[in-house]
N, C-alpha and C. Protein backbone atom coordinates (compact mmCIF):
# COMPACT_ATOMS: atom_id res chain seq x y z
N UNK A 1 -205.04 -124.79 5.50
CA UNK A 1 -203.82 -125.81 5.08
C UNK A 1 -203.76 -126.52 5.88
N UNK A 2 -203.54 -127.99 5.36
CA UNK A 2 -203.70 -129.29 6.14
C UNK A 2 -201.94 -129.19 7.14
N UNK A 3 -202.19 -129.94 7.97
CA UNK A 3 -200.98 -130.32 8.60
C UNK A 3 -199.71 -130.90 8.05
N UNK A 4 -199.90 -130.89 6.86
CA UNK A 4 -198.71 -131.16 6.15
C UNK A 4 -198.13 -130.19 4.98
N UNK A 5 -198.92 -129.12 4.92
CA UNK A 5 -198.55 -127.75 4.10
C UNK A 5 -198.85 -128.15 2.91
N UNK A 6 -199.46 -129.45 2.51
CA UNK A 6 -199.10 -129.32 0.82
C UNK A 6 -200.76 -128.60 0.17
N UNK A 7 -201.75 -129.15 0.70
CA UNK A 7 -203.10 -128.54 -0.02
C UNK A 7 -204.32 -128.31 1.33
N UNK A 8 -204.96 -127.79 0.87
CA UNK A 8 -205.90 -127.21 2.45
C UNK A 8 -206.80 -128.38 2.97
N UNK A 9 -207.13 -128.13 4.38
CA UNK A 9 -207.89 -129.18 5.40
C UNK A 9 -208.89 -129.21 4.38
N UNK A 10 -209.60 -130.14 4.03
CA UNK A 10 -210.87 -130.17 3.58
C UNK A 10 -211.31 -132.09 3.79
N UNK A 11 -212.59 -132.15 4.11
CA UNK A 11 -213.28 -133.39 4.47
C UNK A 11 -213.64 -133.97 3.61
N UNK A 12 -213.80 -133.40 2.50
CA UNK A 12 -214.51 -134.27 1.14
C UNK A 12 -213.32 -134.23 0.44
N UNK A 13 -211.86 -135.16 0.79
CA UNK A 13 -210.82 -135.31 0.00
C UNK A 13 -211.18 -135.68 -1.18
N UNK A 14 -212.06 -136.91 -1.33
CA UNK A 14 -212.23 -137.21 -2.42
C UNK A 14 -214.30 -137.17 -2.97
N UNK A 15 -214.71 -136.05 -3.31
CA UNK A 15 -216.30 -136.37 -3.45
C UNK A 15 -216.70 -137.47 -3.82
N UNK A 16 -215.95 -138.06 -5.14
CA UNK A 16 -216.62 -139.43 -6.12
C UNK A 16 -216.57 -140.74 -4.88
N UNK A 17 -215.63 -140.83 -4.15
CA UNK A 17 -215.35 -141.78 -2.90
C UNK A 17 -216.51 -141.65 -2.19
N UNK A 18 -216.81 -140.63 -1.52
CA UNK A 18 -218.07 -140.16 -0.71
C UNK A 18 -219.34 -140.71 -1.57
N UNK A 19 -219.48 -140.36 -2.73
CA UNK A 19 -220.47 -140.72 -3.35
C UNK A 19 -220.86 -142.06 -3.53
N UNK A 20 -219.88 -143.04 -3.83
CA UNK A 20 -219.38 -144.39 -3.81
C UNK A 20 -220.22 -144.93 -2.54
N UNK A 21 -219.61 -144.47 -1.39
CA UNK A 21 -219.80 -144.77 -0.09
C UNK A 21 -221.54 -144.69 0.22
N UNK A 22 -221.94 -143.58 -0.23
CA UNK A 22 -223.16 -143.15 0.08
C UNK A 22 -224.16 -143.91 -0.69
N UNK A 23 -223.94 -144.38 -1.95
CA UNK A 23 -224.67 -145.12 -2.49
C UNK A 23 -224.67 -146.54 -2.16
N UNK A 24 -223.44 -147.47 -1.30
CA UNK A 24 -223.38 -148.78 -0.86
C UNK A 24 -224.00 -148.81 0.57
N UNK A 25 -224.01 -147.33 1.27
CA UNK A 25 -224.80 -147.38 2.37
C UNK A 25 -226.26 -147.55 2.19
N UNK A 26 -226.67 -147.11 0.94
CA UNK A 26 -228.14 -146.61 0.77
C UNK A 26 -228.50 -148.06 0.69
N UNK A 27 -227.90 -148.77 -0.75
CA UNK A 27 -228.01 -150.30 -1.15
C UNK A 27 -228.20 -151.45 0.14
N UNK A 28 -227.38 -150.77 0.97
CA UNK A 28 -227.05 -151.83 2.16
C UNK A 28 -228.85 -151.74 2.94
N UNK A 29 -228.97 -150.21 3.15
CA UNK A 29 -230.35 -150.04 3.81
C UNK A 29 -231.61 -150.81 3.15
N UNK A 30 -231.22 -150.73 1.92
CA UNK A 30 -232.38 -151.58 1.01
C UNK A 30 -232.47 -153.01 1.46
N UNK A 31 -231.20 -153.45 1.31
CA UNK A 31 -231.17 -155.04 1.35
C UNK A 31 -231.56 -155.17 2.95
N UNK A 32 -231.17 -154.70 3.77
CA UNK A 32 -231.54 -155.14 5.21
C UNK A 32 -232.80 -154.93 5.38
N UNK A 33 -233.68 -153.98 4.85
CA UNK A 33 -234.92 -153.90 4.73
C UNK A 33 -235.80 -155.17 4.05
N UNK A 34 -235.31 -155.41 3.28
CA UNK A 34 -236.16 -156.66 2.37
C UNK A 34 -235.37 -158.08 3.53
N UNK A 35 -234.20 -158.21 4.04
CA UNK A 35 -234.27 -159.18 5.14
C UNK A 35 -235.39 -159.05 6.09
N UNK A 36 -235.44 -158.11 6.80
CA UNK A 36 -235.82 -157.90 8.17
C UNK A 36 -237.74 -158.04 7.24
N UNK A 37 -237.85 -157.49 6.39
CA UNK A 37 -239.21 -157.92 6.41
C UNK A 37 -239.61 -159.55 5.75
N UNK A 38 -238.48 -159.96 5.05
CA UNK A 38 -238.59 -161.44 4.68
C UNK A 38 -238.74 -162.27 5.85
N UNK A 39 -237.75 -161.91 6.74
CA UNK A 39 -237.67 -162.62 8.26
C UNK A 39 -239.02 -162.75 9.04
N UNK A 40 -239.44 -161.29 8.73
CA UNK A 40 -240.72 -161.16 9.70
C UNK A 40 -241.81 -161.66 9.15
N UNK A 41 -242.11 -162.03 7.97
CA UNK A 41 -243.56 -162.77 7.13
C UNK A 41 -243.01 -164.04 7.17
N UNK A 42 -241.89 -164.58 7.23
CA UNK A 42 -241.39 -166.02 7.74
C UNK A 42 -242.00 -166.16 9.02
N UNK A 43 -241.34 -165.33 10.08
CA UNK A 43 -241.49 -165.69 11.49
C UNK A 43 -243.20 -165.90 11.84
N UNK A 44 -243.77 -164.79 11.18
CA UNK A 44 -245.14 -164.88 11.27
C UNK A 44 -246.27 -165.93 10.60
N UNK A 45 -245.63 -166.48 9.65
CA UNK A 45 -246.32 -167.97 9.03
C UNK A 45 -246.04 -168.96 10.17
N UNK A 46 -245.09 -169.21 10.82
CA UNK A 46 -244.96 -170.29 11.82
C UNK A 46 -245.45 -169.48 13.41
N UNK A 47 -245.60 -168.38 13.76
CA UNK A 47 -246.09 -167.78 14.78
C UNK A 47 -247.67 -168.01 15.07
N UNK A 48 -248.19 -167.67 13.77
CA UNK A 48 -249.70 -167.74 13.74
C UNK A 48 -250.61 -169.20 14.18
N UNK A 49 -249.74 -170.56 13.80
CA UNK A 49 -250.21 -171.60 14.62
C UNK A 49 -250.06 -171.65 16.25
N UNK A 50 -249.61 -170.52 16.57
CA UNK A 50 -249.96 -170.11 18.19
C UNK A 50 -250.20 -168.99 18.22
N UNK A 51 -251.05 -168.36 17.80
CA UNK A 51 -251.99 -166.76 17.53
C UNK A 51 -251.28 -166.02 18.14
N UNK A 52 -249.73 -165.73 17.87
CA UNK A 52 -248.81 -165.18 17.87
C UNK A 52 -248.66 -164.26 16.53
N UNK A 53 -247.93 -162.98 16.63
CA UNK A 53 -247.47 -161.85 15.61
C UNK A 53 -246.53 -160.98 16.02
N UNK A 54 -245.90 -160.86 15.19
CA UNK A 54 -244.79 -159.72 15.16
C UNK A 54 -244.90 -158.64 14.18
N UNK A 55 -245.00 -157.33 14.56
CA UNK A 55 -245.03 -156.09 14.12
C UNK A 55 -243.82 -155.46 13.82
N UNK A 56 -243.24 -155.26 14.74
CA UNK A 56 -241.89 -154.51 14.92
C UNK A 56 -240.62 -155.39 15.40
N UNK A 57 -239.78 -156.07 14.37
CA UNK A 57 -238.97 -157.23 14.75
C UNK A 57 -238.43 -156.75 16.27
N UNK A 58 -237.85 -155.59 16.27
CA UNK A 58 -236.72 -155.17 17.21
C UNK A 58 -237.72 -155.20 18.50
N UNK A 59 -238.66 -154.61 18.53
CA UNK A 59 -239.37 -154.35 20.26
C UNK A 59 -240.05 -155.84 20.32
N UNK A 60 -240.77 -156.47 19.28
CA UNK A 60 -241.72 -157.83 19.41
C UNK A 60 -240.98 -158.74 20.26
N UNK A 61 -239.64 -158.92 19.77
CA UNK A 61 -238.53 -160.04 19.99
C UNK A 61 -237.92 -159.33 21.30
N UNK A 62 -237.80 -158.27 21.81
CA UNK A 62 -237.35 -157.83 22.66
C UNK A 62 -237.26 -158.49 24.22
N UNK A 63 -238.47 -159.15 24.47
CA UNK A 63 -238.84 -159.63 25.84
C UNK A 63 -238.57 -160.86 25.46
N UNK A 64 -238.45 -161.73 24.60
CA UNK A 64 -237.86 -163.38 24.33
C UNK A 64 -239.10 -163.80 24.01
N UNK A 65 -240.10 -163.46 24.31
CA UNK A 65 -241.54 -164.47 24.41
C UNK A 65 -241.67 -165.07 23.21
N UNK A 66 -241.81 -164.22 22.19
CA UNK A 66 -242.20 -164.54 20.82
C UNK A 66 -240.72 -165.39 20.02
N UNK A 67 -239.75 -164.86 20.78
CA UNK A 67 -238.44 -165.81 20.50
C UNK A 67 -238.70 -167.20 20.75
N UNK A 68 -239.04 -167.23 22.33
CA UNK A 68 -239.43 -168.88 22.65
C UNK A 68 -240.64 -169.36 21.88
N UNK A 69 -241.83 -168.55 21.82
CA UNK A 69 -242.47 -169.25 20.82
C UNK A 69 -242.24 -169.98 19.49
N UNK A 70 -241.38 -169.01 19.04
CA UNK A 70 -241.14 -169.44 17.66
C UNK A 70 -240.13 -170.59 17.34
N UNK A 71 -239.17 -170.86 18.34
CA UNK A 71 -238.30 -171.86 18.46
C UNK A 71 -239.17 -173.30 19.00
N UNK A 72 -240.05 -172.75 19.80
CA UNK A 72 -241.07 -173.72 20.22
C UNK A 72 -241.77 -174.52 19.34
N UNK A 73 -242.48 -173.91 18.34
CA UNK A 73 -243.09 -173.97 16.92
C UNK A 73 -242.02 -174.96 15.92
N UNK A 74 -241.15 -174.41 15.79
CA UNK A 74 -240.35 -174.84 15.17
C UNK A 74 -239.31 -176.20 15.38
N UNK A 75 -239.36 -176.31 16.57
CA UNK A 75 -238.62 -177.79 17.31
C UNK A 75 -239.80 -178.68 17.75
N UNK A 76 -240.79 -178.25 18.07
CA UNK A 76 -241.96 -179.26 18.11
C UNK A 76 -241.71 -179.64 19.73
N UNK A 77 -241.12 -178.70 20.34
CA UNK A 77 -240.55 -179.30 21.83
C UNK A 77 -240.81 -177.97 22.88
N UNK A 78 -241.45 -178.28 24.07
CA UNK A 78 -241.42 -177.07 25.12
C UNK A 78 -239.98 -176.53 25.63
N UNK A 79 -239.76 -175.20 25.23
CA UNK A 79 -238.47 -174.77 26.38
C UNK A 79 -238.61 -174.57 27.76
N UNK A 80 -237.65 -174.84 28.46
CA UNK A 80 -237.54 -174.71 29.56
C UNK A 80 -238.46 -173.23 30.50
N UNK A 81 -238.53 -173.63 31.95
CA UNK A 81 -239.46 -172.11 32.32
C UNK A 81 -238.74 -171.13 32.04
N UNK A 82 -239.59 -169.97 31.81
CA UNK A 82 -238.91 -168.86 31.33
C UNK A 82 -239.91 -167.75 32.07
N UNK A 83 -239.83 -166.34 32.20
CA UNK A 83 -240.78 -165.49 32.65
C UNK A 83 -241.75 -165.04 31.34
N UNK A 84 -243.11 -165.60 32.01
CA UNK A 84 -243.91 -165.54 31.39
C UNK A 84 -244.48 -164.11 30.93
N UNK A 85 -244.21 -163.24 32.05
CA UNK A 85 -244.53 -161.88 31.89
C UNK A 85 -243.19 -161.08 32.16
N UNK A 86 -242.33 -160.44 31.30
CA UNK A 86 -241.01 -160.19 31.98
C UNK A 86 -241.40 -158.56 31.94
N UNK A 87 -240.62 -158.17 33.19
CA UNK A 87 -241.27 -156.57 32.77
C UNK A 87 -239.55 -155.83 33.00
N UNK A 88 -238.63 -156.56 33.76
CA UNK A 88 -237.34 -156.02 34.04
C UNK A 88 -236.60 -156.48 32.83
N UNK A 89 -235.28 -155.54 32.51
CA UNK A 89 -234.85 -156.23 31.55
C UNK A 89 -233.97 -157.47 31.52
N UNK A 90 -233.23 -157.66 32.77
CA UNK A 90 -233.05 -158.63 33.10
C UNK A 90 -233.76 -160.21 32.83
N UNK A 91 -235.21 -160.24 32.88
CA UNK A 91 -235.76 -160.92 32.59
C UNK A 91 -235.97 -161.33 31.58
N UNK A 92 -236.15 -159.72 30.36
CA UNK A 92 -236.35 -160.20 28.91
C UNK A 92 -235.13 -160.77 28.49
N UNK A 93 -233.77 -160.41 28.80
CA UNK A 93 -232.77 -161.15 28.73
C UNK A 93 -232.61 -162.55 28.81
N UNK A 94 -232.73 -162.81 30.00
CA UNK A 94 -232.53 -164.44 30.43
C UNK A 94 -233.90 -164.98 29.57
N UNK A 95 -234.95 -164.17 29.22
CA UNK A 95 -235.69 -165.29 28.10
C UNK A 95 -235.32 -165.56 26.52
N UNK A 96 -234.49 -164.58 26.26
CA UNK A 96 -233.73 -164.80 24.95
C UNK A 96 -232.63 -165.45 25.21
N UNK A 97 -231.90 -165.65 26.42
CA UNK A 97 -230.87 -166.63 26.43
C UNK A 97 -231.52 -167.90 26.95
N UNK A 98 -232.66 -167.81 27.08
CA UNK A 98 -233.30 -169.62 27.45
C UNK A 98 -233.26 -170.07 26.05
N UNK A 99 -233.68 -169.25 24.72
CA UNK A 99 -233.93 -169.59 23.70
C UNK A 99 -232.77 -170.18 23.11
N UNK A 100 -231.92 -169.24 23.23
CA UNK A 100 -230.85 -169.34 22.49
C UNK A 100 -229.64 -170.89 22.69
N UNK A 101 -229.89 -170.98 24.34
CA UNK A 101 -229.19 -171.84 25.10
C UNK A 101 -229.72 -173.36 24.35
N UNK A 102 -231.21 -173.32 24.48
CA UNK A 102 -232.15 -174.45 23.82
C UNK A 102 -231.75 -175.07 22.63
N UNK A 103 -231.14 -173.79 21.63
CA UNK A 103 -231.06 -174.01 20.24
C UNK A 103 -229.81 -174.87 20.45
N UNK A 104 -228.59 -174.31 21.06
CA UNK A 104 -227.57 -174.83 21.06
C UNK A 104 -227.20 -176.01 21.98
N UNK A 105 -227.86 -176.45 22.88
CA UNK A 105 -227.30 -177.32 23.79
C UNK A 105 -228.59 -178.60 23.28
N UNK A 106 -230.00 -178.17 23.23
CA UNK A 106 -230.95 -179.49 22.83
C UNK A 106 -230.97 -179.74 20.97
N UNK A 107 -230.60 -178.64 20.55
CA UNK A 107 -231.09 -178.52 18.86
C UNK A 107 -229.28 -178.77 18.42
N UNK A 108 -228.70 -178.78 18.97
CA UNK A 108 -227.16 -178.68 18.30
C UNK A 108 -227.16 -177.58 17.16
N UNK A 109 -227.51 -176.71 17.10
CA UNK A 109 -227.31 -175.45 16.44
C UNK A 109 -226.09 -174.46 16.98
N UNK A 110 -225.11 -174.29 15.96
CA UNK A 110 -224.24 -173.59 16.51
C UNK A 110 -224.44 -172.10 16.17
N UNK A 111 -224.29 -171.21 17.22
CA UNK A 111 -224.56 -170.04 17.01
C UNK A 111 -223.49 -169.20 16.99
N UNK A 112 -223.31 -168.13 16.25
CA UNK A 112 -222.16 -167.28 16.07
C UNK A 112 -222.43 -166.07 15.95
N UNK A 113 -221.32 -165.28 16.84
CA UNK A 113 -221.80 -163.78 17.06
C UNK A 113 -222.89 -163.52 17.59
N UNK A 114 -223.49 -164.19 18.39
CA UNK A 114 -224.78 -164.22 19.48
C UNK A 114 -224.41 -164.35 20.89
N UNK A 115 -224.37 -163.55 22.12
CA UNK A 115 -223.87 -164.06 23.26
C UNK A 115 -225.10 -164.99 23.45
N UNK A 116 -224.64 -166.07 24.26
CA UNK A 116 -224.89 -167.53 24.94
C UNK A 116 -224.13 -167.97 25.72
């Protein structure tokens, strides 16, 4: 019995509701994969002008070097000094931050929900 004594405790109070939630999550996953693939193709179109490529979005952008390269290609400007061979997490984060700060300060782009 549940705490209120009315009905047995059951994690699946409403199986139909759970089915709807699972379907929505599956649809969301498909949408996210499509967005990820679309962005990767778009970025690679621009990065090929500087002989760079993205295979795995999360890992390839994590050191900030391809982010910086993409921003430079799109803006036509050189970004400030950055770590060309980042090995430590702090260096990688600094590179990403350099790109984001450039977008906000030099390009006047408002970035929402990303730490800058």
